[in-house]
C-alpha cells in the first residue's frame, strides 16, 4: 500500500556536501536527477531500518528521462519543509517491480 511522507510544495532541497558528492561518485546519479524523482510523483515509504535518530523515507520514482531511482531522504526544518537526500541509486529489479505495482494501484484508484 502506498504511503506518503509529508513532502511540502514547493520542493526545497537541502544538500549535505558529502552526500551530494557521494551519489555522483558511487552511484553515478546527478543531483538534478535525484530532485526530478520528487517532481515526478514518487511512491514514498518510511525507512524503518534507519529511522532511529530521525525519520527517514524512501522515494521510488523516475527522472525526466525515465531512469528509475530510489532515494533515501529525511525532512528538515521546523515545518519539515526541506528535503535532505541521503542516498540516490538505480532501483534493483525487485524495487522496479514494486514501483510498477504501486504505480498501477494508483492508476486503478483514479
PDB file of N, CA and C in Angstrom:
ATOM      1  N   UNK A   1       0.844  -1.182   0.000  1.00  0.00           N
ATOM      2  CA  UNK A   1       0.000   0.000   0.000  1.00  0.00           C
ATOM      3  C   UNK A   1       0.886   1.241   0.000  1.00  0.00           C
ATOM      4  N   UNK A   2       0.515   2.192  -0.778  1.00  0.00           N
ATOM      5  CA  UNK A   2       1.289   3.426  -0.916  1.00  0.00           C
ATOM      6  C   UNK A   2       1.124   4.307   0.317  1.00  0.00           C
ATOM      7  N   UNK A   3       2.240   4.804   0.783  1.00  0.00           N
ATOM      8  CA  UNK A   3       2.233   5.728   1.915  1.00  0.00           C
ATOM      9  C   UNK A   3       3.025   6.947   1.509  1.00  0.00           C
ATOM     10  N   UNK A   4       2.730   8.052   2.128  1.00  0.00           N
ATOM     11  CA  UNK A   4       3.465   9.255   1.755  1.00  0.00           C
ATOM     12  C   UNK A   4       4.060   9.937   2.972  1.00  0.00           C
ATOM     13  N   UNK A   5       5.163  10.578   2.748  1.00  0.00           N
ATOM     14  CA  UNK A   5       5.767  11.443   3.752  1.00  0.00           C
ATOM     15  C   UNK A   5       5.182  12.831   3.519  1.00  0.00           C
ATOM     16  N   UNK A   6       5.171  13.640   4.534  1.00  0.00           N
ATOM     17  CA  UNK A   6       4.605  14.982   4.373  1.00  0.00           C
ATOM     18  C   UNK A   6       5.532  15.912   3.591  1.00  0.00           C
ATOM     19  N   UNK A   7       5.779  15.585   2.334  1.00  0.00           N
ATOM     20  CA  UNK A   7       6.639  16.414   1.486  1.00  0.00           C
ATOM     21  C   UNK A   7       5.847  17.632   1.048  1.00  0.00           C
ATOM     22  N   UNK A   8       6.376  18.801   1.350  1.00  0.00           N
ATOM     23  CA  UNK A   8       5.661  20.051   1.053  1.00  0.00           C
ATOM     24  C   UNK A   8       6.083  20.616  -0.293  1.00  0.00           C
ATOM     25  N   UNK A   9       5.159  21.330  -0.912  1.00  0.00           N
ATOM     26  CA  UNK A   9       5.451  22.016  -2.169  1.00  0.00           C
ATOM     27  C   UNK A   9       5.390  23.503  -1.885  1.00  0.00           C
ATOM     28  N   UNK A  10       6.210  24.334  -2.483  1.00  0.00           N
ATOM     29  CA  UNK A  10       7.214  23.970  -3.480  1.00  0.00           C
ATOM     30  C   UNK A  10       8.340  23.164  -2.837  1.00  0.00           C
ATOM     31  N   UNK A  11       8.975  22.328  -3.645  1.00  0.00           N
ATOM     32  CA  UNK A  11      10.044  21.470  -3.167  1.00  0.00           C
ATOM     33  C   UNK A  11      11.305  22.284  -2.894  1.00  0.00           C
ATOM     34  N   UNK A  12      11.862  22.088  -1.703  1.00  0.00           N
ATOM     35  CA  UNK A  12      13.103  22.754  -1.316  1.00  0.00           C
ATOM     36  C   UNK A  12      14.074  21.659  -0.889  1.00  0.00           C
ATOM     37  N   UNK A  13      15.268  21.678  -1.454  1.00  0.00           N
ATOM     38  CA  UNK A  13      16.263  20.655  -1.153  1.00  0.00           C
ATOM     39  C   UNK A  13      17.396  21.227  -0.324  1.00  0.00           C
ATOM     40  N   UNK A  14      17.863  20.435   0.634  1.00  0.00           N
ATOM     41  CA  UNK A  14      18.998  20.784   1.481  1.00  0.00           C
ATOM     42  C   UNK A  14      20.041  19.687   1.267  1.00  0.00           C
ATOM     43  N   UNK A  15      21.113  20.034   0.597  1.00  0.00           N
ATOM     44  CA  UNK A  15      22.139  19.049   0.259  1.00  0.00           C
ATOM     45  C   UNK A  15      23.289  19.075   1.244  1.00  0.00           C
ATOM     46  N   UNK A  16      23.647  17.926   1.795  1.00  0.00           N
ATOM     47  CA  UNK A  16      24.857  17.740   2.583  1.00  0.00           C
ATOM     48  C   UNK A  16      26.001  17.547   1.591  1.00  0.00           C
ATOM     49  N   UNK A  17      27.099  18.247   1.767  1.00  0.00           N
ATOM     50  CA  UNK A  17      28.204  18.197   0.812  1.00  0.00           C
ATOM     51  C   UNK A  17      28.687  16.771   0.558  1.00  0.00           C
ATOM     52  N   UNK A  18      28.839  15.986   1.611  1.00  0.00           N
ATOM     53  CA  UNK A  18      29.309  14.610   1.456  1.00  0.00           C
ATOM     54  C   UNK A  18      28.355  13.754   0.644  1.00  0.00           C
ATOM     55  N   UNK A  19      27.062  13.834   0.953  1.00  0.00           N
ATOM     56  CA  UNK A  19      26.071  13.040   0.222  1.00  0.00           C
ATOM     57  C   UNK A  19      25.947  13.503  -1.222  1.00  0.00           C
ATOM     58  N   UNK A  20      26.061  14.791  -1.426  1.00  0.00           N
ATOM     59  CA  UNK A  20      25.947  15.358  -2.772  1.00  0.00           C
ATOM     60  C   UNK A  20      27.019  14.776  -3.690  1.00  0.00           C
ATOM     61  N   UNK A  21      28.225  14.682  -3.189  1.00  0.00           N
ATOM     62  CA  UNK A  21      29.333  14.143  -3.981  1.00  0.00           C
ATOM     63  C   UNK A  21      29.292  12.619  -4.048  1.00  0.00           C
ATOM     64  N   UNK A  22      28.862  11.969  -2.961  1.00  0.00           N
ATOM     65  CA  UNK A  22      28.834  10.509  -2.885  1.00  0.00           C
ATOM     66  C   UNK A  22      27.910   9.904  -3.935  1.00  0.00           C
ATOM     67  N   UNK A  23      26.742  10.484  -4.125  1.00  0.00           N
ATOM     68  CA  UNK A  23      25.783   9.929  -5.083  1.00  0.00           C
ATOM     69  C   UNK A  23      26.317   9.955  -6.505  1.00  0.00           C
ATOM     70  N   UNK A  24      27.054  10.991  -6.830  1.00  0.00           N
ATOM     71  CA  UNK A  24      27.635  11.086  -8.174  1.00  0.00           C
ATOM     72  C   UNK A  24      28.760  10.068  -8.319  1.00  0.00           C
ATOM     73  N   UNK A  25      29.663  10.023  -7.347  1.00  0.00           N
ATOM     74  CA  UNK A  25      30.828   9.132  -7.432  1.00  0.00           C
ATOM     75  C   UNK A  25      30.453   7.657  -7.310  1.00  0.00           C
ATOM     76  N   UNK A  26      29.649   7.321  -6.318  1.00  0.00           N
ATOM     77  CA  UNK A  26      29.353   5.918  -6.019  1.00  0.00           C
ATOM     78  C   UNK A  26      28.270   5.328  -6.914  1.00  0.00           C
ATOM     79  N   UNK A  27      27.251   6.122  -7.238  1.00  0.00           N
ATOM     80  CA  UNK A  27      26.088   5.592  -7.954  1.00  0.00           C
ATOM     81  C   UNK A  27      25.864   6.227  -9.323  1.00  0.00           C
ATOM     82  N   UNK A  28      26.712   7.183  -9.684  1.00  0.00           N
ATOM     83  CA  UNK A  28      26.585   7.881 -10.969  1.00  0.00           C
ATOM     84  C   UNK A  28      25.201   8.518 -11.150  1.00  0.00           C
ATOM     85  N   UNK A  29      24.697   9.094 -10.065  1.00  0.00           N
ATOM     86  CA  UNK A  29      23.403   9.781 -10.095  1.00  0.00           C
ATOM     87  C   UNK A  29      23.660  11.267  -9.877  1.00  0.00           C
ATOM     88  N   UNK A  30      23.253  12.067 -10.834  1.00  0.00           N
ATOM     89  CA  UNK A  30      23.407  13.516 -10.721  1.00  0.00           C
ATOM     90  C   UNK A  30      22.373  14.060  -9.727  1.00  0.00           C
ATOM     91  N   UNK A  31      22.713  15.135  -9.045  1.00  0.00           N
ATOM     92  CA  UNK A  31      21.806  15.713  -8.055  1.00  0.00           C
ATOM     93  C   UNK A  31      20.503  16.188  -8.688  1.00  0.00           C
ATOM     94  N   UNK A  32      20.569  16.673  -9.911  1.00  0.00           N
ATOM     95  CA  UNK A  32      19.335  17.090 -10.593  1.00  0.00           C
ATOM     96  C   UNK A  32      18.416  15.895 -10.826  1.00  0.00           C
ATOM     97  N   UNK A  33      18.993  14.719 -11.087  1.00  0.00           N
ATOM     98  CA  UNK A  33      18.173  13.513 -11.271  1.00  0.00           C
ATOM     99  C   UNK A  33      17.463  13.147  -9.967  1.00  0.00           C
ATOM    100  N   UNK A  34      18.178  13.258  -8.858  1.00  0.00           N
ATOM    101  CA  UNK A  34      17.577  12.984  -7.553  1.00  0.00           C
ATOM    102  C   UNK A  34      16.386  13.907  -7.322  1.00  0.00           C
ATOM    103  N   UNK A  35      16.544  15.177  -7.607  1.00  0.00           N
ATOM    104  CA  UNK A  35      15.462  16.143  -7.410  1.00  0.00           C
ATOM    105  C   UNK A  35      14.283  15.863  -8.340  1.00  0.00           C
ATOM    106  N   UNK A  36      14.556  15.400  -9.554  1.00  0.00           N
ATOM    107  CA  UNK A  36      13.488  15.095 -10.513  1.00  0.00           C
ATOM    108  C   UNK A  36      12.562  13.997  -9.999  1.00  0.00           C
ATOM    109  N   UNK A  37      13.091  13.058  -9.221  1.00  0.00           N
ATOM    110  CA  UNK A  37      12.261  11.985  -8.664  1.00  0.00           C
ATOM    111  C   UNK A  37      11.087  12.577  -7.883  1.00  0.00           C
ATOM    112  N   UNK A  38      11.340  13.628  -7.111  1.00  0.00           N
ATOM    113  CA  UNK A  38      10.297  14.217  -6.270  1.00  0.00           C
ATOM    114  C   UNK A  38       9.272  15.008  -7.077  1.00  0.00           C
ATOM    115  N   UNK A  39       9.658  15.486  -8.225  1.00  0.00           N
ATOM    116  CA  UNK A  39       8.749  16.240  -9.096  1.00  0.00           C
ATOM    117  C   UNK A  39       7.804  15.286  -9.828  1.00  0.00           C
ATOM    118  N   UNK A  40       8.261  14.065 -10.080  1.00  0.00           N
ATOM    119  CA  UNK A  40       7.534  13.113 -10.913  1.00  0.00           C
ATOM    120  C   UNK A  40       6.708  12.110 -10.116  1.00  0.00           C
ATOM    121  N   UNK A  41       6.013  12.575  -9.085  1.00  0.00           N
ATOM    122  CA  UNK A  41       5.053  11.781  -8.315  1.00  0.00           C
ATOM    123  C   UNK A  41       5.622  10.454  -7.820  1.00  0.00           C
ATOM    124  N   UNK A  42       6.576  10.493  -6.891  1.00  0.00           N
ATOM    125  CA  UNK A  42       7.187   9.257  -6.404  1.00  0.00           C
ATOM    126  C   UNK A  42       6.269   8.466  -5.471  1.00  0.00           C
ATOM    127  N   UNK A  43       6.599   7.202  -5.290  1.00  0.00           N
ATOM    128  CA  UNK A  43       5.992   6.369  -4.258  1.00  0.00           C
ATOM    129  C   UNK A  43       6.914   6.498  -3.052  1.00  0.00           C
ATOM    130  N   UNK A  44       6.361   6.890  -1.912  1.00  0.00           N
ATOM    131  CA  UNK A  44       7.186   7.154  -0.730  1.00  0.00           C
ATOM    132  C   UNK A  44       6.789   6.218   0.407  1.00  0.00           C
ATOM    133  N   UNK A  45       7.796   5.613   1.007  1.00  0.00           N
ATOM    134  CA  UNK A  45       7.602   4.709   2.145  1.00  0.00           C
ATOM    135  C   UNK A  45       8.554   5.086   3.270  1.00  0.00           C
ATOM    136  N   UNK A  46       8.165   4.802   4.524  1.00  0.00           N
ATOM    137  CA  UNK A  46       9.095   5.045   5.626  1.00  0.00           C
ATOM    138  C   UNK A  46      10.251   4.052   5.575  1.00  0.00           C
ATOM    139  N   UNK A  47      11.421   4.480   5.993  1.00  0.00           N
ATOM    140  CA  UNK A  47      12.596   3.616   6.110  1.00  0.00           C
ATOM    141  C   UNK A  47      12.724   3.269   7.586  1.00  0.00           C
ATOM    142  N   UNK A  48      12.082   2.205   7.989  1.00  0.00           N
ATOM    143  CA  UNK A  48      12.050   1.839   9.407  1.00  0.00           C
ATOM    144  C   UNK A  48      13.418   1.379   9.927  1.00  0.00           C
ATOM    145  N   UNK A  49      14.251   0.849   9.060  1.00  0.00           N
ATOM    146  CA  UNK A  49      15.563   0.343   9.470  1.00  0.00           C
ATOM    147  C   UNK A  49      16.498   1.454   9.917  1.00  0.00           C
ATOM    148  N   UNK A  50      16.428   2.614   9.266  1.00  0.00           N
ATOM    149  CA  UNK A  50      17.377   3.697   9.542  1.00  0.00           C
ATOM    150  C   UNK A  50      16.728   4.909  10.211  1.00  0.00           C
ATOM    151  N   UNK A  51      15.620   4.718  10.903  1.00  0.00           N
ATOM    152  CA  UNK A  51      14.896   5.856  11.476  1.00  0.00           C
ATOM    153  C   UNK A  51      15.059   5.983  12.988  1.00  0.00           C
ATOM    154  N   UNK A  52      16.142   5.485  13.544  1.00  0.00           N
ATOM    155  CA  UNK A  52      16.319   5.574  14.995  1.00  0.00           C
ATOM    156  C   UNK A  52      16.546   7.013  15.457  1.00  0.00           C
ATOM    157  N   UNK A  53      17.412   7.752  14.777  1.00  0.00           N
ATOM    158  CA  UNK A  53      17.744   9.119  15.196  1.00  0.00           C
ATOM    159  C   UNK A  53      16.816  10.152  14.575  1.00  0.00           C
ATOM    160  N   UNK A  54      16.350   9.886  13.367  1.00  0.00           N
ATOM    161  CA  UNK A  54      15.445  10.805  12.673  1.00  0.00           C
ATOM    162  C   UNK A  54      14.595   9.992  11.703  1.00  0.00           C
ATOM    163  N   UNK A  55      13.416  10.491  11.391  1.00  0.00           N
ATOM    164  CA  UNK A  55      12.541   9.810  10.430  1.00  0.00           C
ATOM    165  C   UNK A  55      13.189   9.840   9.057  1.00  0.00           C
ATOM    166  N   UNK A  56      13.300   8.677   8.446  1.00  0.00           N
ATOM    167  CA  UNK A  56      13.826   8.588   7.082  1.00  0.00           C
ATOM    168  C   UNK A  56      12.797   7.918   6.194  1.00  0.00           C
ATOM    169  N   UNK A  57      12.905   8.212   4.910  1.00  0.00           N
ATOM    170  CA  UNK A  57      11.960   7.699   3.929  1.00  0.00           C
ATOM    171  C   UNK A  57      12.692   7.233   2.679  1.00  0.00           C
ATOM    172  N   UNK A  58      11.982   6.417   1.884  1.00  0.00           N
ATOM    173  CA  UNK A  58      12.436   6.043   0.552  1.00  0.00           C
ATOM    174  C   UNK A  58      11.473   6.637  -0.451  1.00  0.00           C
ATOM    175  N   UNK A  59      11.993   7.226  -1.502  1.00  0.00           N
ATOM    176  CA  UNK A  59      11.177   7.695  -2.628  1.00  0.00           C
ATOM    177  C   UNK A  59      11.555   6.839  -3.835  1.00  0.00           C
ATOM    178  N   UNK A  60      10.572   6.124  -4.361  1.00  0.00           N
ATOM    179  CA  UNK A  60      10.753   5.340  -5.584  1.00  0.00           C
ATOM    180  C   UNK A  60      10.186   6.180  -6.711  1.00  0.00           C
ATOM    181  N   UNK A  61      10.984   6.457  -7.732  1.00  0.00           N
ATOM    182  CA  UNK A  61      10.462   7.295  -8.801  1.00  0.00           C
ATOM    183  C   UNK A  61      11.334   7.294 -10.034  1.00  0.00           C
ATOM    184  N   UNK A  62      10.999   8.206 -10.942  1.00  0.00           N
ATOM    185  CA  UNK A  62      11.710   8.293 -12.218  1.00  0.00           C
ATOM    186  C   UNK A  62      12.206   9.713 -12.452  1.00  0.00           C
ATOM    187  N   UNK A  63      13.280   9.788 -13.230  1.00  0.00           N
ATOM    188  CA  UNK A  63      13.800  11.083 -13.656  1.00  0.00           C
ATOM    189  C   UNK A  63      13.011  11.535 -14.878  1.00  0.00           C
ATOM    190  N   UNK A  64      13.283  12.728 -15.335  1.00  0.00           N
ATOM    191  CA  UNK A  64      12.608  13.227 -16.537  1.00  0.00           C
ATOM    192  C   UNK A  64      12.929  12.387 -17.767  1.00  0.00           C
ATOM    193  N   UNK A  65      14.060  11.684 -17.740  1.00  0.00           N
ATOM    194  CA  UNK A  65      14.441  10.818 -18.868  1.00  0.00           C
ATOM    195  C   UNK A  65      14.023   9.365 -18.658  1.00  0.00           C
ATOM    196  N   UNK A  66      13.295   9.092 -17.566  1.00  0.00           N
ATOM    197  CA  UNK A  66      12.777   7.747 -17.332  1.00  0.00           C
ATOM    198  C   UNK A  66      13.675   6.816 -16.533  1.00  0.00           C
ATOM    199  N   UNK A  67      14.761   7.316 -15.999  1.00  0.00           N
ATOM    200  CA  UNK A  67      15.644   6.488 -15.173  1.00  0.00           C
ATOM    201  C   UNK A  67      14.960   6.225 -13.837  1.00  0.00           C
ATOM    202  N   UNK A  68      14.851   4.963 -13.452  1.00  0.00           N
ATOM    203  CA  UNK A  68      14.170   4.596 -12.212  1.00  0.00           C
ATOM    204  C   UNK A  68      15.167   4.604 -11.059  1.00  0.00           C
ATOM    205  N   UNK A  69      14.908   5.482 -10.087  1.00  0.00           N
ATOM    206  CA  UNK A  69      15.804   5.646  -8.941  1.00  0.00           C
ATOM    207  C   UNK A  69      15.069   5.394  -7.637  1.00  0.00           C
ATOM    208  N   UNK A  70      15.839   5.071  -6.617  1.00  0.00           N
ATOM    209  CA  UNK A  70      15.340   5.053  -5.248  1.00  0.00           C
ATOM    210  C   UNK A  70      16.176   6.075  -4.480  1.00  0.00           C
ATOM    211  N   UNK A  71      15.511   6.906  -3.700  1.00  0.00           N
ATOM    212  CA  UNK A  71      16.185   7.969  -2.950  1.00  0.00           C
ATOM    213  C   UNK A  71      15.864   7.798  -1.469  1.00  0.00           C
ATOM    214  N   UNK A  72      16.889   7.726  -0.649  1.00  0.00           N
ATOM    215  CA  UNK A  72      16.720   7.750   0.792  1.00  0.00           C
ATOM    216  C   UNK A  72      16.818   9.217   1.207  1.00  0.00           C
ATOM    217  N   UNK A  73      15.890   9.659   2.058  1.00  0.00           N
ATOM    218  CA  UNK A  73      15.904  11.070   2.447  1.00  0.00           C
ATOM    219  C   UNK A  73      15.270  11.268   3.811  1.00  0.00           C
ATOM    220  N   UNK A  74      15.499  12.432   4.357  1.00  0.00           N
ATOM    221  CA  UNK A  74      14.858  12.864   5.585  1.00  0.00           C
ATOM    222  C   UNK A  74      14.293  14.256   5.339  1.00  0.00           C
ATOM    223  N   UNK A  75      13.452  14.707   6.239  1.00  0.00           N
ATOM    224  CA  UNK A  75      12.880  16.050   6.129  1.00  0.00           C
ATOM    225  C   UNK A  75      13.481  16.914   7.224  1.00  0.00           C
ATOM    226  N   UNK A  76      13.813  18.133   6.895  1.00  0.00           N
ATOM    227  CA  UNK A  76      14.458  19.059   7.830  1.00  0.00           C
ATOM    228  C   UNK A  76      13.661  20.351   7.944  1.00  0.00           C
ATOM    229  N   UNK A  77      13.964  21.092   8.989  1.00  0.00           N
ATOM    230  CA  UNK A  77      13.312  22.377   9.223  1.00  0.00           C
ATOM    231  C   UNK A  77      12.196  22.249  10.244  1.00  0.00           C
ATOM    232  N   UNK A  78      11.809  23.367  10.827  1.00  0.00           N
ATOM    233  CA  UNK A  78      10.751  23.380  11.839  1.00  0.00           C
ATOM    234  C   UNK A  78       9.452  22.791  11.319  1.00  0.00           C
ATOM    235  N   UNK A  79       9.149  23.067  10.075  1.00  0.00           N
ATOM    236  CA  UNK A  79       7.924  22.572   9.445  1.00  0.00           C
ATOM    237  C   UNK A  79       8.197  21.350   8.563  1.00  0.00           C
ATOM    238  N   UNK A  80       9.376  20.802   8.668  1.00  0.00           N
ATOM    239  CA  UNK A  80       9.820  19.695   7.801  1.00  0.00           C
ATOM    240  C   UNK A  80       9.593  20.050   6.336  1.00  0.00           C
ATOM    241  N   UNK A  81      10.026  21.260   5.999  1.00  0.00           N
ATOM    242  CA  UNK A  81       9.777  21.798   4.662  1.00  0.00           C
ATOM    243  C   UNK A  81      10.922  21.558   3.687  1.00  0.00           C
ATOM    244  N   UNK A  82      12.046  21.024   4.178  1.00  0.00           N
ATOM    245  CA  UNK A  82      13.198  20.813   3.293  1.00  0.00           C
ATOM    246  C   UNK A  82      13.491  19.322   3.151  1.00  0.00           C
ATOM    247  N   UNK A  83      13.719  18.900   1.913  1.00  0.00           N
ATOM    248  CA  UNK A  83      14.079  17.513   1.626  1.00  0.00           C
ATOM    249  C   UNK A  83      15.597  17.412   1.660  1.00  0.00           C
ATOM    250  N   UNK A  84      16.104  16.495   2.474  1.00  0.00           N
ATOM    251  CA  UNK A  84      17.554  16.287   2.539  1.00  0.00           C
ATOM    252  C   UNK A  84      17.869  14.883   2.015  1.00  0.00           C
ATOM    253  N   UNK A  85      18.283  14.787   0.750  1.00  0.00           N
ATOM    254  CA  UNK A  85      18.639  13.480   0.187  1.00  0.00           C
ATOM    255  C   UNK A  85      19.875  12.904   0.886  1.00  0.00           C
ATOM    256  N   UNK A  86      19.823  11.614   1.159  1.00  0.00           N
ATOM    257  CA  UNK A  86      20.938  10.926   1.801  1.00  0.00           C
ATOM    258  C   UNK A  86      21.659  10.043   0.789  1.00  0.00           C
ATOM    259  N   UNK A  87      20.885   9.279   0.016  1.00  0.00           N
ATOM    260  CA  UNK A  87      21.442   8.356  -0.960  1.00  0.00           C
ATOM    261  C   UNK A  87      20.483   8.276  -2.139  1.00  0.00           C
ATOM    262  N   UNK A  88      21.043   8.150  -3.322  1.00  0.00           N
ATOM    263  CA  UNK A  88      20.237   8.003  -4.533  1.00  0.00           C
ATOM    264  C   UNK A  88      20.950   7.025  -5.455  1.00  0.00           C
ATOM    265  N   UNK A  89      20.204   6.009  -5.924  1.00  0.00           N
ATOM    266  CA  UNK A  89      20.790   4.992  -6.798  1.00  0.00           C
ATOM    267  C   UNK A  89      19.714   4.409  -7.702  1.00  0.00           C
ATOM    268  N   UNK A  90      20.162   3.615  -8.688  1.00  0.00           N
ATOM    269  CA  UNK A  90      19.212   2.928  -9.555  1.00  0.00           C
ATOM    270  C   UNK A  90      18.435   1.892  -8.748  1.00  0.00           C
ATOM    271  N   UNK A  91      17.160   1.705  -9.103  1.00  0.00           N
ATOM    272  CA  UNK A  91      16.345   0.689  -8.452  1.00  0.00           C
ATOM    273  C   UNK A  91      16.820  -0.701  -8.869  1.00  0.00           C
ATOM    274  N   UNK A  92      16.761  -1.643  -7.927  1.00  0.00           N
ATOM    275  CA  UNK A  92      17.054  -3.041  -8.237  1.00  0.00           C
ATOM    276  C   UNK A  92      15.863  -3.626  -9.006  1.00  0.00           C
ATOM    277  N   UNK A  93      16.016  -4.823  -9.519  1.00  0.00           N
ATOM    278  CA  UNK A  93      14.929  -5.489 -10.243  1.00  0.00           C
ATOM    279  C   UNK A  93      13.693  -5.623  -9.348  1.00  0.00           C
ATOM    280  N   UNK A  94      13.892  -6.026  -8.107  1.00  0.00           N
ATOM    281  CA  UNK A  94      12.790  -6.172  -7.152  1.00  0.00           C
ATOM    282  C   UNK A  94      12.129  -4.814  -6.871  1.00  0.00           C
ATOM    283  N   UNK A  95      12.935  -3.780  -6.719  1.00  0.00           N
ATOM    284  CA  UNK A  95      12.401  -2.437  -6.456  1.00  0.00           C
ATOM    285  C   UNK A  95      11.635  -1.899  -7.657  1.00  0.00           C
ATOM    286  N   UNK A  96      12.110  -2.187  -8.864  1.00  0.00           N
ATOM    287  CA  UNK A  96      11.387  -1.762 -10.073  1.00  0.00           C
ATOM    288  C   UNK A  96      10.022  -2.433 -10.144  1.00  0.00           C
ATOM    289  N   UNK A  97       9.964  -3.723  -9.809  1.00  0.00           N
ATOM    290  CA  UNK A  97       8.691  -4.452  -9.813  1.00  0.00           C
ATOM    291  C   UNK A  97       7.736  -3.843  -8.783  1.00  0.00           C
ATOM    292  N   UNK A  98       8.245  -3.535  -7.600  1.00  0.00           N
ATOM    293  CA  UNK A  98       7.431  -2.908  -6.556  1.00  0.00           C
ATOM    294  C   UNK A  98       6.902  -1.555  -7.027  1.00  0.00           C
ATOM    295  N   UNK A  99       7.787  -0.756  -7.601  1.00  0.00           N
ATOM    296  CA  UNK A  99       7.404   0.574  -8.079  1.00  0.00           C
ATOM    297  C   UNK A  99       6.300   0.467  -9.132  1.00  0.00           C
ATOM    298  N   UNK A 100       6.455  -0.442 -10.088  1.00  0.00           N
ATOM    299  CA  UNK A 100       5.447  -0.623 -11.144  1.00  0.00           C
ATOM    300  C   UNK A 100       4.113  -1.045 -10.542  1.00  0.00           C
ATOM    301  N   UNK A 101       4.155  -1.954  -9.571  1.00  0.00           N
ATOM    302  CA  UNK A 101       2.929  -2.416  -8.918  1.00  0.00           C
ATOM    303  C   UNK A 101       2.222  -1.270  -8.200  1.00  0.00           C
ATOM    304  N   UNK A 102       2.973  -0.478  -7.472  1.00  0.00           N
ATOM    305  CA  UNK A 102       2.385   0.650  -6.744  1.00  0.00           C
ATOM    306  C   UNK A 102       1.815   1.701  -7.693  1.00  0.00           C
ATOM    307  N   UNK A 103       2.509   1.990  -8.772  1.00  0.00           N
ATOM    308  CA  UNK A 103       2.005   2.972  -9.745  1.00  0.00           C
ATOM    309  C   UNK A 103       0.735   2.446 -10.404  1.00  0.00           C
ATOM    310  N   UNK A 104       0.658   1.134 -10.652  1.00  0.00           N
ATOM    311  CA  UNK A 104      -0.547   0.535 -11.235  1.00  0.00           C
ATOM    312  C   UNK A 104      -1.727   0.669 -10.286  1.00  0.00           C
ATOM    313  N   UNK A 105      -1.487   0.471  -8.987  1.00  0.00           N
ATOM    314  CA  UNK A 105      -2.548   0.609  -7.983  1.00  0.00           C
ATOM    315  C   UNK A 105      -3.088   2.033  -7.961  1.00  0.00           C
ATOM    316  N   UNK A 106      -2.217   3.006  -8.048  1.00  0.00           N
ATOM    317  CA  UNK A 106      -2.641   4.410  -8.053  1.00  0.00           C
ATOM    318  C   UNK A 106      -3.499   4.686  -9.282  1.00  0.00           C
ATOM    319  N   UNK A 107      -3.099   4.145 -10.425  1.00  0.00           N
ATOM    320  CA  UNK A 107      -3.859   4.341 -11.664  1.00  0.00           C
ATOM    321  C   UNK A 107      -5.249   3.733 -11.533  1.00  0.00           C
ATOM    322  N   UNK A 108      -5.353   2.552 -10.916  1.00  0.00           N
ATOM    323  CA  UNK A 108      -6.651   1.893 -10.725  1.00  0.00           C
ATOM    324  C   UNK A 108      -7.562   2.709  -9.816  1.00  0.00           C
ATOM    325  N   UNK A 109      -6.976   3.363  -8.806  1.00  0.00           N
ATOM    326  CA  UNK A 109      -7.752   4.143  -7.844  1.00  0.00           C
ATOM    327  C   UNK A 109      -8.345   5.397  -8.457  1.00  0.00           C
ATOM    328  N   UNK A 110      -7.752   5.890  -9.537  1.00  0.00           N
ATOM    329  CA  UNK A 110      -8.212   7.149 -10.144  1.00  0.00           C
ATOM    330  C   UNK A 110      -9.425   6.957 -10.989  1.00  0.00           C
TER     331      UNK A 110
END
